[in-house]
PDB file of N, CA and C in Angstrom:
ATOM      1  N   MET A   1      15.658  30.685  19.141  1.00  0.00           N
ATOM      2  CA  MET A   1      16.050  30.120  20.412  1.00  0.00           C
ATOM      3  C   MET A   1      14.869  29.334  20.976  1.00  0.00           C
ATOM      4  N   GLY A   2      15.138  28.150  21.480  1.00  0.00           N
ATOM      5  CA  GLY A   2      14.091  27.315  22.038  1.00  0.00           C
ATOM      6  C   GLY A   2      13.698  27.737  23.435  1.00  0.00           C
ATOM      7  N   GLU A   3      12.714  27.098  23.979  1.00  0.00           N
ATOM      8  CA  GLU A   3      12.187  27.427  25.290  1.00  0.00           C
ATOM      9  C   GLU A   3      13.245  27.274  26.390  1.00  0.00           C
ATOM     10  N   ARG A   4      14.099  26.313  26.274  1.00  0.00           N
ATOM     11  CA  ARG A   4      15.134  26.059  27.276  1.00  0.00           C
ATOM     12  C   ARG A   4      16.491  26.637  26.869  1.00  0.00           C
ATOM     13  N   GLY A   5      16.493  27.473  25.848  1.00  0.00           N
ATOM     14  CA  GLY A   5      17.732  28.081  25.411  1.00  0.00           C
ATOM     15  C   GLY A   5      18.580  27.184  24.526  1.00  0.00           C
ATOM     16  N   ILE A   6      17.983  26.125  23.976  1.00  0.00           N
ATOM     17  CA  ILE A   6      18.705  25.197  23.106  1.00  0.00           C
ATOM     18  C   ILE A   6      18.214  25.401  21.682  1.00  0.00           C
ATOM     19  N   GLU A   7      19.152  25.586  20.779  1.00  0.00           N
ATOM     20  CA  GLU A   7      18.794  25.710  19.371  1.00  0.00           C
ATOM     21  C   GLU A   7      19.130  24.404  18.662  1.00  0.00           C
ATOM     22  N   ILE A   8      18.130  23.828  18.002  1.00  0.00           N
ATOM     23  CA  ILE A   8      18.332  22.579  17.255  1.00  0.00           C
ATOM     24  C   ILE A   8      17.340  22.574  16.098  1.00  0.00           C
ATOM     25  N   SER A   9      17.811  22.207  14.942  1.00  0.00           N
ATOM     26  CA  SER A   9      16.946  22.214  13.763  1.00  0.00           C
ATOM     27  C   SER A   9      16.118  20.936  13.689  1.00  0.00           C
ATOM     28  N   ALA A  10      15.033  20.998  12.949  1.00  0.00           N
ATOM     29  CA  ALA A  10      14.196  19.814  12.730  1.00  0.00           C
ATOM     30  C   ALA A  10      14.995  18.730  12.017  1.00  0.00           C
ATOM     31  N   GLY A  11      15.862  19.133  11.088  1.00  0.00           N
ATOM     32  CA  GLY A  11      16.703  18.163  10.388  1.00  0.00           C
ATOM     33  C   GLY A  11      17.645  17.449  11.318  1.00  0.00           C
ATOM     34  N   HIS A  12      18.202  18.152  12.296  1.00  0.00           N
ATOM     35  CA  HIS A  12      19.111  17.520  13.253  1.00  0.00           C
ATOM     36  C   HIS A  12      18.353  16.549  14.160  1.00  0.00           C
ATOM     37  N   ILE A  13      17.159  16.933  14.571  1.00  0.00           N
ATOM     38  CA  ILE A  13      16.335  16.029  15.384  1.00  0.00           C
ATOM     39  C   ILE A  13      16.018  14.766  14.593  1.00  0.00           C
ATOM     40  N   ASP A  14      15.639  14.925  13.324  1.00  0.00           N
ATOM     41  CA  ASP A  14      15.360  13.775  12.466  1.00  0.00           C
ATOM     42  C   ASP A  14      16.586  12.877  12.358  1.00  0.00           C
ATOM     43  N   ALA A  15      17.755  13.471  12.169  1.00  0.00           N
ATOM     44  CA  ALA A  15      18.989  12.678  12.066  1.00  0.00           C
ATOM     45  C   ALA A  15      19.269  11.921  13.363  1.00  0.00           C
ATOM     46  N   LEU A  16      19.054  12.556  14.506  1.00  0.00           N
ATOM     47  CA  LEU A  16      19.268  11.889  15.792  1.00  0.00           C
ATOM     48  C   LEU A  16      18.338  10.692  15.965  1.00  0.00           C
ATOM     49  N   LEU A  17      17.099  10.847  15.497  1.00  0.00           N
ATOM     50  CA  LEU A  17      16.108   9.783  15.663  1.00  0.00           C
ATOM     51  C   LEU A  17      16.249   8.653  14.651  1.00  0.00           C
ATOM     52  N   SER A  18      16.808   8.938  13.476  1.00  0.00           N
ATOM     53  CA  SER A  18      16.789   7.926  12.415  1.00  0.00           C
ATOM     54  C   SER A  18      18.156   7.368  12.033  1.00  0.00           C
ATOM     55  N   SER A  19      19.242   7.970  12.449  1.00  0.00           N
ATOM     56  CA  SER A  19      20.554   7.455  12.042  1.00  0.00           C
ATOM     57  C   SER A  19      21.133   6.544  13.119  1.00  0.00           C
ATOM     58  N   GLY A  20      22.030   5.658  12.686  1.00  0.00           N
ATOM     59  CA  GLY A  20      22.701   4.770  13.619  1.00  0.00           C
ATOM     60  C   GLY A  20      21.812   3.695  14.210  1.00  0.00           C
ATOM     61  N   LYS A  21      20.765   3.346  13.519  1.00  0.00           N
ATOM     62  CA  LYS A  21      19.807   2.355  14.043  1.00  0.00           C
ATOM     63  C   LYS A  21      19.935   0.997  13.349  1.00  0.00           C
ATOM     64  N   GLU A  22      21.012   0.788  12.604  1.00  0.00           N
ATOM     65  CA  GLU A  22      21.164  -0.435  11.820  1.00  0.00           C
ATOM     66  C   GLU A  22      21.104  -1.689  12.691  1.00  0.00           C
ATOM     67  N   SER A  23      21.714  -1.645  13.880  1.00  0.00           N
ATOM     68  CA  SER A  23      21.705  -2.840  14.741  1.00  0.00           C
ATOM     69  C   SER A  23      20.290  -3.172  15.200  1.00  0.00           C
ATOM     70  N   PHE A  24      19.455  -2.155  15.418  1.00  0.00           N
ATOM     71  CA  PHE A  24      18.066  -2.406  15.809  1.00  0.00           C
ATOM     72  C   PHE A  24      17.279  -3.020  14.652  1.00  0.00           C
ATOM     73  N   HIS A  25      17.527  -2.523  13.437  1.00  0.00           N
ATOM     74  CA  HIS A  25      16.840  -3.082  12.271  1.00  0.00           C
ATOM     75  C   HIS A  25      17.283  -4.524  12.027  1.00  0.00           C
ATOM     76  N   LYS A  26      18.549  -4.802  12.225  1.00  0.00           N
ATOM     77  CA  LYS A  26      19.059  -6.170  12.065  1.00  0.00           C
ATOM     78  C   LYS A  26      18.411  -7.101  13.086  1.00  0.00           C
ATOM     79  N   GLU A  27      18.301  -6.643  14.320  1.00  0.00           N
ATOM     80  CA  GLU A  27      17.662  -7.441  15.365  1.00  0.00           C
ATOM     81  C   GLU A  27      16.190  -7.684  15.040  1.00  0.00           C
ATOM     82  N   LYS A  28      15.506  -6.659  14.542  1.00  0.00           N
ATOM     83  CA  LYS A  28      14.096  -6.799  14.161  1.00  0.00           C
ATOM     84  C   LYS A  28      13.938  -7.829  13.047  1.00  0.00           C
ATOM     85  N   ASP A  29      14.812  -7.776  12.039  1.00  0.00           N
ATOM     86  CA  ASP A  29      14.755  -8.742  10.942  1.00  0.00           C
ATOM     87  C   ASP A  29      15.019 -10.158  11.439  1.00  0.00           C
ATOM     88  N   GLU A  30      15.954 -10.299  12.363  1.00  0.00           N
ATOM     89  CA  GLU A  30      16.267 -11.614  12.926  1.00  0.00           C
ATOM     90  C   GLU A  30      15.100 -12.148  13.747  1.00  0.00           C
ATOM     91  N   LEU A  31      14.411 -11.270  14.452  1.00  0.00           N
ATOM     92  CA  LEU A  31      13.235 -11.670  15.223  1.00  0.00           C
ATOM     93  C   LEU A  31      12.182 -12.299  14.316  1.00  0.00           C
ATOM     94  N   LEU A  32      11.932 -11.678  13.171  1.00  0.00           N
ATOM     95  CA  LEU A  32      10.953 -12.232  12.239  1.00  0.00           C
ATOM     96  C   LEU A  32      11.415 -13.591  11.722  1.00  0.00           C
ATOM     97  N   ARG A  33      12.661 -13.686  11.298  1.00  0.00           N
ATOM     98  CA  ARG A  33      13.177 -14.943  10.746  1.00  0.00           C
ATOM     99  C   ARG A  33      13.047 -16.072  11.764  1.00  0.00           C
ATOM    100  N   VAL A  34      13.496 -15.842  12.983  1.00  0.00           N
ATOM    101  CA  VAL A  34      13.449 -16.884  14.018  1.00  0.00           C
ATOM    102  C   VAL A  34      11.999 -17.161  14.427  1.00  0.00           C
ATOM    103  N   GLY A  35      11.201 -16.115  14.560  1.00  0.00           N
ATOM    104  CA  GLY A  35       9.799 -16.309  14.921  1.00  0.00           C
ATOM    105  C   GLY A  35       9.069 -17.189  13.928  1.00  0.00           C
ATOM    106  N   LEU A  36       9.309 -16.960  12.642  1.00  0.00           N
ATOM    107  CA  LEU A  36       8.675 -17.794  11.608  1.00  0.00           C
ATOM    108  C   LEU A  36       9.220 -19.219  11.636  1.00  0.00           C
ATOM    109  N   GLU A  37      10.501 -19.345  11.931  1.00  0.00           N
ATOM    110  CA  GLU A  37      11.139 -20.659  11.935  1.00  0.00           C
ATOM    111  C   GLU A  37      10.632 -21.555  13.062  1.00  0.00           C
ATOM    112  N   VAL A  38      10.399 -20.994  14.239  1.00  0.00           N
ATOM    113  CA  VAL A  38      10.044 -21.822  15.399  1.00  0.00           C
ATOM    114  C   VAL A  38       8.542 -21.903  15.654  1.00  0.00           C
ATOM    115  N   SER A  39       7.742 -21.146  14.932  1.00  0.00           N
ATOM    116  CA  SER A  39       6.305 -21.098  15.197  1.00  0.00           C
ATOM    117  C   SER A  39       5.545 -22.127  14.388  1.00  0.00           C
ATOM    118  N   ARG A  40       4.598 -22.766  15.044  1.00  0.00           N
ATOM    119  CA  ARG A  40       3.717 -23.707  14.349  1.00  0.00           C
ATOM    120  C   ARG A  40       2.610 -22.970  13.615  1.00  0.00           C
ATOM    121  N   SER A  41       2.237 -21.807  14.117  1.00  0.00           N
ATOM    122  CA  SER A  41       1.213 -20.995  13.458  1.00  0.00           C
ATOM    123  C   SER A  41       1.501 -19.524  13.748  1.00  0.00           C
ATOM    124  N   ILE A  42       1.009 -18.693  12.863  1.00  0.00           N
ATOM    125  CA  ILE A  42       1.166 -17.245  13.031  1.00  0.00           C
ATOM    126  C   ILE A  42      -0.140 -16.566  12.662  1.00  0.00           C
ATOM    127  N   THR A  43      -0.283 -15.353  13.114  1.00  0.00           N
ATOM    128  CA  THR A  43      -1.376 -14.513  12.662  1.00  0.00           C
ATOM    129  C   THR A  43      -0.757 -13.340  11.912  1.00  0.00           C
ATOM    130  N   VAL A  44      -1.507 -12.816  10.984  1.00  0.00           N
ATOM    131  CA  VAL A  44      -1.036 -11.670  10.206  1.00  0.00           C
ATOM    132  C   VAL A  44      -2.178 -10.673  10.079  1.00  0.00           C
ATOM    133  N   ASP A  45      -1.803  -9.427   9.962  1.00  0.00           N
ATOM    134  CA  ASP A  45      -2.804  -8.390   9.764  1.00  0.00           C
ATOM    135  C   ASP A  45      -2.113  -7.213   9.105  1.00  0.00           C
ATOM    136  N   ASP A  46      -2.845  -6.499   8.305  1.00  0.00           N
ATOM    137  CA  ASP A  46      -2.318  -5.238   7.797  1.00  0.00           C
ATOM    138  C   ASP A  46      -3.421  -4.202   7.826  1.00  0.00           C
ATOM    139  N   SER A  47      -3.000  -2.988   7.991  1.00  0.00           N
ATOM    140  CA  SER A  47      -3.927  -1.889   8.130  1.00  0.00           C
ATOM    141  C   SER A  47      -3.364  -0.694   7.384  1.00  0.00           C
ATOM    142  N   GLY A  48      -4.230   0.136   6.885  1.00  0.00           N
ATOM    143  CA  GLY A  48      -3.784   1.299   6.133  1.00  0.00           C
ATOM    144  C   GLY A  48      -4.349   2.587   6.690  1.00  0.00           C
ATOM    145  N   ALA A  49      -3.632   3.653   6.419  1.00  0.00           N
ATOM    146  CA  ALA A  49      -4.083   4.989   6.806  1.00  0.00           C
ATOM    147  C   ALA A  49      -3.388   6.007   5.920  1.00  0.00           C
ATOM    148  N   ARG A  50      -3.984   7.169   5.814  1.00  0.00           N
ATOM    149  CA  ARG A  50      -3.361   8.264   5.059  1.00  0.00           C
ATOM    150  C   ARG A  50      -2.615   9.154   6.034  1.00  0.00           C
ATOM    151  N   HIS A  51      -1.433   9.583   5.610  1.00  0.00           N
ATOM    152  CA  HIS A  51      -0.623  10.497   6.402  1.00  0.00           C
ATOM    153  C   HIS A  51       0.002  11.507   5.459  1.00  0.00           C
ATOM    154  N   ARG A  52      -0.256  12.766   5.700  1.00  0.00           N
ATOM    155  CA  ARG A  52       0.247  13.837   4.845  1.00  0.00           C
ATOM    156  C   ARG A  52      -0.116  13.610   3.383  1.00  0.00           C
ATOM    157  N   GLY A  53      -1.332  13.151   3.160  1.00  0.00           N
ATOM    158  CA  GLY A  53      -1.843  12.969   1.811  1.00  0.00           C
ATOM    159  C   GLY A  53      -1.352  11.725   1.094  1.00  0.00           C
ATOM    160  N   ARG A  54      -0.668  10.841   1.784  1.00  0.00           N
ATOM    161  CA  ARG A  54      -0.154   9.623   1.145  1.00  0.00           C
ATOM    162  C   ARG A  54      -0.637   8.393   1.910  1.00  0.00           C
ATOM    163  N   ASN A  55      -0.894   7.325   1.158  1.00  0.00           N
ATOM    164  CA  ASN A  55      -1.303   6.076   1.781  1.00  0.00           C
ATOM    165  C   ASN A  55      -0.101   5.422   2.443  1.00  0.00           C
ATOM    166  N   GLY A  56      -0.326   4.849   3.610  1.00  0.00           N
ATOM    167  CA  GLY A  56       0.694   4.084   4.317  1.00  0.00           C
ATOM    168  C   GLY A  56       0.067   2.850   4.914  1.00  0.00           C
ATOM    169  N   TYR A  57       0.866   1.820   5.116  1.00  0.00           N
ATOM    170  CA  TYR A  57       0.343   0.542   5.617  1.00  0.00           C
ATOM    171  C   TYR A  57       1.278   0.004   6.683  1.00  0.00           C
ATOM    172  N   VAL A  58       0.713  -0.699   7.639  1.00  0.00           N
ATOM    173  CA  VAL A  58       1.514  -1.408   8.629  1.00  0.00           C
ATOM    174  C   VAL A  58       1.090  -2.864   8.580  1.00  0.00           C
ATOM    175  N   THR A  59       2.082  -3.737   8.588  1.00  0.00           N
ATOM    176  CA  THR A  59       1.838  -5.179   8.586  1.00  0.00           C
ATOM    177  C   THR A  59       2.319  -5.746   9.906  1.00  0.00           C
ATOM    178  N   GLN A  60       1.501  -6.607  10.519  1.00  0.00           N
ATOM    179  CA  GLN A  60       1.844  -7.271  11.766  1.00  0.00           C
ATOM    180  C   GLN A  60       1.892  -8.760  11.508  1.00  0.00           C
ATOM    181  N   ILE A  61       2.950  -9.407  11.964  1.00  0.00           N
ATOM    182  CA  ILE A  61       3.093 -10.858  11.898  1.00  0.00           C
ATOM    183  C   ILE A  61       3.496 -11.318  13.289  1.00  0.00           C
ATOM    184  N   GLY A  62       2.863 -12.370  13.788  1.00  0.00           N
ATOM    185  CA  GLY A  62       3.250 -12.848  15.110  1.00  0.00           C
ATOM    186  C   GLY A  62       2.337 -13.920  15.646  1.00  0.00           C
ATOM    187  N   ASN A  63       2.507 -14.206  16.906  1.00  0.00           N
ATOM    188  CA  ASN A  63       1.677 -15.132  17.662  1.00  0.00           C
ATOM    189  C   ASN A  63       1.921 -14.847  19.142  1.00  0.00           C
ATOM    190  N   GLU A  64       1.680 -15.823  20.013  1.00  0.00           N
ATOM    191  CA  GLU A  64       1.870 -15.575  21.440  1.00  0.00           C
ATOM    192  C   GLU A  64       3.346 -15.460  21.823  1.00  0.00           C
ATOM    193  N   LEU A  65       4.258 -15.849  20.919  1.00  0.00           N
ATOM    194  CA  LEU A  65       5.693 -15.810  21.210  1.00  0.00           C
ATOM    195  C   LEU A  65       6.406 -14.555  20.721  1.00  0.00           C
ATOM    196  N   PHE A  66       5.912 -13.947  19.657  1.00  0.00           N
ATOM    197  CA  PHE A  66       6.588 -12.781  19.095  1.00  0.00           C
ATOM    198  C   PHE A  66       5.605 -11.902  18.326  1.00  0.00           C
ATOM    199  N   ALA A  67       5.991 -10.663  18.160  1.00  0.00           N
ATOM    200  CA  ALA A  67       5.220  -9.725  17.346  1.00  0.00           C
ATOM    201  C   ALA A  67       6.212  -8.917  16.521  1.00  0.00           C
ATOM    202  N   TRP A  68       5.935  -8.793  15.235  1.00  0.00           N
ATOM    203  CA  TRP A  68       6.798  -8.076  14.310  1.00  0.00           C
ATOM    204  C   TRP A  68       5.933  -7.125  13.497  1.00  0.00           C
ATOM    205  N   PHE A  69       6.419  -5.921  13.299  1.00  0.00           N
ATOM    206  CA  PHE A  69       5.677  -4.895  12.569  1.00  0.00           C
ATOM    207  C   PHE A  69       6.566  -4.268  11.511  1.00  0.00           C
ATOM    208  N   ALA A  70       5.956  -3.878  10.406  1.00  0.00           N
ATOM    209  CA  ALA A  70       6.669  -3.138   9.368  1.00  0.00           C
ATOM    210  C   ALA A  70       5.723  -2.115   8.764  1.00  0.00           C
ATOM    211  N   SER A  71       6.253  -0.941   8.495  1.00  0.00           N
ATOM    212  CA  SER A  71       5.498   0.107   7.819  1.00  0.00           C
ATOM    213  C   SER A  71       6.005   0.234   6.397  1.00  0.00           C
ATOM    214  N   THR A  72       5.083   0.438   5.476  1.00  0.00           N
ATOM    215  CA  THR A  72       5.454   0.532   4.073  1.00  0.00           C
ATOM    216  C   THR A  72       4.448   1.386   3.329  1.00  0.00           C
ATOM    217  N   GLU A  73       4.785   1.741   2.119  1.00  0.00           N
ATOM    218  CA  GLU A  73       3.858   2.476   1.259  1.00  0.00           C
ATOM    219  C   GLU A  73       3.151   1.531   0.294  1.00  0.00           C
ATOM    220  N   SER A  74       3.389   0.228   0.430  1.00  0.00           N
ATOM    221  CA  SER A  74       2.814  -0.751  -0.497  1.00  0.00           C
ATOM    222  C   SER A  74       1.979  -1.777   0.262  1.00  0.00           C
ATOM    223  N   LYS A  75       0.855  -2.108  -0.307  1.00  0.00           N
ATOM    224  CA  LYS A  75       0.021  -3.182   0.231  1.00  0.00           C
ATOM    225  C   LYS A  75      -0.226  -4.149  -0.923  1.00  0.00           C
ATOM    226  N   SER A  76       0.810  -4.909  -1.236  1.00  0.00           N
ATOM    227  CA  SER A  76       0.708  -5.841  -2.351  1.00  0.00           C
ATOM    228  C   SER A  76       0.996  -7.259  -1.867  1.00  0.00           C
ATOM    229  N   ARG A  77       0.594  -8.224  -2.644  1.00  0.00           N
ATOM    230  CA  ARG A  77       0.879  -9.615  -2.300  1.00  0.00           C
ATOM    231  C   ARG A  77       2.376  -9.881  -2.295  1.00  0.00           C
ATOM    232  N   ILE A  78       3.093  -9.297  -3.250  1.00  0.00           N
ATOM    233  CA  ILE A  78       4.539  -9.481  -3.309  1.00  0.00           C
ATOM    234  C   ILE A  78       5.190  -8.908  -2.054  1.00  0.00           C
ATOM    235  N   ASN A  79       4.776  -7.720  -1.658  1.00  0.00           N
ATOM    236  CA  ASN A  79       5.307  -7.108  -0.448  1.00  0.00           C
ATOM    237  C   ASN A  79       5.068  -8.021   0.747  1.00  0.00           C
ATOM    238  N   PHE A  80       3.859  -8.552   0.869  1.00  0.00           N
ATOM    239  CA  PHE A  80       3.511  -9.432   1.972  1.00  0.00           C
ATOM    240  C   PHE A  80       4.327 -10.726   1.916  1.00  0.00           C
ATOM    241  N   LEU A  81       4.487 -11.309   0.733  1.00  0.00           N
ATOM    242  CA  LEU A  81       5.286 -12.525   0.605  1.00  0.00           C
ATOM    243  C   LEU A  81       6.744 -12.288   0.972  1.00  0.00           C
ATOM    244  N   GLU A  82       7.267 -11.114   0.634  1.00  0.00           N
ATOM    245  CA  GLU A  82       8.641 -10.798   1.021  1.00  0.00           C
ATOM    246  C   GLU A  82       8.774 -10.798   2.539  1.00  0.00           C
ATOM    247  N   TYR A  83       7.788 -10.271   3.247  1.00  0.00           N
ATOM    248  CA  TYR A  83       7.824 -10.306   4.710  1.00  0.00           C
ATOM    249  C   TYR A  83       7.799 -11.739   5.215  1.00  0.00           C
ATOM    250  N   LEU A  84       6.915 -12.562   4.656  1.00  0.00           N
ATOM    251  CA  LEU A  84       6.810 -13.949   5.122  1.00  0.00           C
ATOM    252  C   LEU A  84       8.063 -14.781   4.804  1.00  0.00           C
ATOM    253  N   HIS A  85       8.829 -14.348   3.832  1.00  0.00           N
ATOM    254  CA  HIS A  85      10.087 -15.029   3.530  1.00  0.00           C
ATOM    255  C   HIS A  85      11.245 -14.472   4.349  1.00  0.00           C
ATOM    256  N   ALA A  86      10.974 -13.465   5.151  1.00  0.00           N
ATOM    257  CA  ALA A  86      11.960 -12.886   6.077  1.00  0.00           C
ATOM    258  C   ALA A  86      13.277 -12.547   5.391  1.00  0.00           C
ATOM    259  N   GLY A  87      13.180 -11.929   4.236  1.00  0.00           N
ATOM    260  CA  GLY A  87      14.374 -11.467   3.549  1.00  0.00           C
ATOM    261  C   GLY A  87      15.037 -12.469   2.634  1.00  0.00           C
ATOM    262  N   ALA A  88      14.615 -13.717   2.662  1.00  0.00           N
ATOM    263  CA  ALA A  88      15.201 -14.751   1.805  1.00  0.00           C
ATOM    264  C   ALA A  88      14.124 -15.224   0.833  1.00  0.00           C
ATOM    265  N   MET A  89      13.864 -14.435  -0.189  1.00  0.00           N
ATOM    266  CA  MET A  89      12.786 -14.738  -1.126  1.00  0.00           C
ATOM    267  C   MET A  89      13.066 -16.052  -1.835  1.00  0.00           C
ATOM    268  N   THR A  90      12.188 -17.003  -1.651  1.00  0.00           N
ATOM    269  CA  THR A  90      12.303 -18.319  -2.281  1.00  0.00           C
ATOM    270  C   THR A  90      10.965 -18.676  -2.903  1.00  0.00           C
ATOM    271  N   TYR A  91      11.020 -19.520  -3.864  1.00  0.00           N
ATOM    272  CA  TYR A  91       9.787 -19.995  -4.475  1.00  0.00           C
ATOM    273  C   TYR A  91      10.082 -21.322  -5.160  1.00  0.00           C
ATOM    274  N   GLN A  92       9.023 -22.024  -5.530  1.00  0.00           N
ATOM    275  CA  GLN A  92       9.150 -23.285  -6.252  1.00  0.00           C
ATOM    276  C   GLN A  92       8.234 -23.247  -7.457  1.00  0.00           C
ATOM    277  N   ILE A  93       8.741 -23.717  -8.564  1.00  0.00           N
ATOM    278  CA  ILE A  93       7.916 -23.917  -9.749  1.00  0.00           C
ATOM    279  C   ILE A  93       7.731 -25.431  -9.861  1.00  0.00           C
ATOM    280  N   THR A  94       6.582 -25.898  -9.428  1.00  0.00           N
ATOM    281  CA  THR A  94       6.310 -27.333  -9.440  1.00  0.00           C
ATOM    282  C   THR A  94       5.683 -27.743 -10.768  1.00  0.00           C
ATOM    283  N   GLU A  95       5.624 -29.037 -10.988  1.00  0.00           N
ATOM    284  CA  GLU A  95       4.966 -29.546 -12.196  1.00  0.00           C
ATOM    285  C   GLU A  95       3.495 -29.144 -12.202  1.00  0.00           C
ATOM    286  N   ALA A  96       2.865 -29.130 -11.037  1.00  0.00           N
ATOM    287  CA  ALA A  96       1.459 -28.705 -10.958  1.00  0.00           C
ATOM    288  C   ALA A  96       1.326 -27.235 -11.369  1.00  0.00           C
ATOM    289  N   ALA A  97       2.272 -26.396 -10.934  1.00  0.00           N
ATOM    290  CA  ALA A  97       2.241 -24.980 -11.304  1.00  0.00           C
ATOM    291  C   ALA A  97       2.431 -24.829 -12.810  1.00  0.00           C
ATOM    292  N   LEU A  98       3.357 -25.584 -13.373  1.00  0.00           N
ATOM    293  CA  LEU A  98       3.596 -25.511 -14.815  1.00  0.00           C
ATOM    294  C   LEU A  98       2.386 -26.006 -15.602  1.00  0.00           C
ATOM    295  N   ALA A  99       1.727 -27.052 -15.099  1.00  0.00           N
ATOM    296  CA  ALA A  99       0.522 -27.557 -15.762  1.00  0.00           C
ATOM    297  C   ALA A  99      -0.577 -26.489 -15.738  1.00  0.00           C
ATOM    298  N   TYR A 100      -0.709 -25.803 -14.604  1.00  0.00           N
ATOM    299  CA  TYR A 100      -1.700 -24.734 -14.496  1.00  0.00           C
ATOM    300  C   TYR A 100      -1.386 -23.607 -15.481  1.00  0.00           C
ATOM    301  N   MET A 101      -0.109 -23.245 -15.561  1.00  0.00           N
ATOM    302  CA  MET A 101       0.298 -22.191 -16.491  1.00  0.00           C
ATOM    303  C   MET A 101      -0.011 -22.595 -17.925  1.00  0.00           C
ATOM    304  N   ASN A 102       0.172 -23.872 -18.240  1.00  0.00           N
ATOM    305  CA  ASN A 102      -0.144 -24.383 -19.570  1.00  0.00           C
ATOM    306  C   ASN A 102      -1.644 -24.273 -19.841  1.00  0.00           C
ATOM    307  N   GLU A 103      -2.454 -24.676 -18.854  1.00  0.00           N
ATOM    308  CA  GLU A 103      -3.915 -24.593 -18.988  1.00  0.00           C
ATOM    309  C   GLU A 103      -4.370 -23.149 -19.202  1.00  0.00           C
ATOM    310  N   GLN A 104      -3.651 -22.202 -18.608  1.00  0.00           N
ATOM    311  CA  GLN A 104      -4.007 -20.790 -18.717  1.00  0.00           C
ATOM    312  C   GLN A 104      -3.454 -20.146 -19.989  1.00  0.00           C
ATOM    313  N   GLY A 105      -2.698 -20.923 -20.771  1.00  0.00           N
ATOM    314  CA  GLY A 105      -2.219 -20.426 -22.050  1.00  0.00           C
ATOM    315  C   GLY A 105      -0.870 -19.727 -22.033  1.00  0.00           C
ATOM    316  N   LEU A 106      -0.098 -19.904 -20.959  1.00  0.00           N
ATOM    317  CA  LEU A 106       1.234 -19.301 -20.923  1.00  0.00           C
ATOM    318  C   LEU A 106       2.121 -20.000 -21.953  1.00  0.00           C
ATOM    319  N   ALA A 107       2.833 -19.227 -22.726  1.00  0.00           N
ATOM    320  CA  ALA A 107       3.649 -19.768 -23.820  1.00  0.00           C
ATOM    321  C   ALA A 107       4.684 -20.761 -23.299  1.00  0.00           C
ATOM    322  N   GLU A 108       4.950 -21.786 -24.104  1.00  0.00           N
ATOM    323  CA  GLU A 108       5.913 -22.831 -23.736  1.00  0.00           C
ATOM    324  C   GLU A 108       7.282 -22.238 -23.420  1.00  0.00           C
ATOM    325  N   GLY A 109       7.712 -21.263 -24.211  1.00  0.00           N
ATOM    326  CA  GLY A 109       9.018 -20.646 -23.966  1.00  0.00           C
ATOM    327  C   GLY A 109       9.105 -20.014 -22.579  1.00  0.00           C
ATOM    328  N   MET A 110       8.029 -19.362 -22.163  1.00  0.00           N
ATOM    329  CA  MET A 110       8.001 -18.741 -20.836  1.00  0.00           C
ATOM    330  C   MET A 110       7.982 -19.797 -19.741  1.00  0.00           C
ATOM    331  N   ARG A 111       7.208 -20.867 -19.939  1.00  0.00           N
ATOM    332  CA  ARG A 111       7.184 -21.952 -18.955  1.00  0.00           C
ATOM    333  C   ARG A 111       8.563 -22.594 -18.832  1.00  0.00           C
ATOM    334  N   GLN A 112       9.243 -22.788 -19.957  1.00  0.00           N
ATOM    335  CA  GLN A 112      10.592 -23.374 -19.940  1.00  0.00           C
ATOM    336  C   GLN A 112      11.553 -22.446 -19.200  1.00  0.00           C
ATOM    337  N   GLN A 113      11.437 -21.154 -19.427  1.00  0.00           N
ATOM    338  CA  GLN A 113      12.298 -20.197 -18.750  1.00  0.00           C
ATOM    339  C   GLN A 113      12.067 -20.230 -17.238  1.00  0.00           C
ATOM    340  N   LEU A 114      10.810 -20.315 -16.823  1.00  0.00           N
ATOM    341  CA  LEU A 114      10.498 -20.423 -15.394  1.00  0.00           C
ATOM    342  C   LEU A 114      11.040 -21.720 -14.808  1.00  0.00           C
ATOM    343  N   ARG A 115      10.907 -22.800 -15.550  1.00  0.00           N
ATOM    344  CA  ARG A 115      11.409 -24.094 -15.088  1.00  0.00           C
ATOM    345  C   ARG A 115      12.918 -24.035 -14.853  1.00  0.00           C
ATOM    346  N   LEU A 116      13.644 -23.382 -15.746  1.00  0.00           N
ATOM    347  CA  LEU A 116      15.099 -23.312 -15.632  1.00  0.00           C
ATOM    348  C   LEU A 116      15.570 -22.323 -14.584  1.00  0.00           C
ATOM    349  N   SER A 117      14.791 -21.278 -14.318  1.00  0.00           N
ATOM    350  CA  SER A 117      15.242 -20.239 -13.392  1.00  0.00           C
ATOM    351  C   SER A 117      14.819 -20.466 -11.950  1.00  0.00           C
ATOM    352  N   ALA A 118      13.946 -21.433 -11.723  1.00  0.00           N
ATOM    353  CA  ALA A 118      13.433 -21.660 -10.374  1.00  0.00           C
ATOM    354  C   ALA A 118      14.514 -22.217  -9.463  1.00  0.00           C
ATOM    355  N   PRO A 119      14.651 -21.648  -8.245  1.00  0.00           N
ATOM    356  CA  PRO A 119      15.622 -22.199  -7.298  1.00  0.00           C
ATOM    357  C   PRO A 119      15.177 -23.569  -6.814  1.00  0.00           C
ATOM    358  N   VAL A 120      16.125 -24.354  -6.410  1.00  0.00           N
ATOM    359  CA  VAL A 120      15.821 -25.702  -5.924  1.00  0.00           C
ATOM    360  C   VAL A 120      15.611 -25.687  -4.438  1.00  0.00           C
TER     361      VAL A 120
END
């Protein structure tokens, strides 16, 4: 029995705090997309800390108009690029990129595959 005579499990509290939040997550994702679209410049930062024996990271993207944060267990370039693409991962394989790959010794077959699979 709790201090106020209310019995509630830790699992139920967790469910109350974490379920039914899809509309908030959608709004947060839209904030990042629009913020990146209308901003001439942004600042970014990421920071890490250990919690319960595991590494965790928070990434901040924003400027004077908006601030967006995400927590993750990964601090990788791919993870960061996914944030900057705001959920719509895009890339370009340019002739300069292919020339660089050739200079670095990437096999012709792989370069051809990249050329064909790159979105326009």
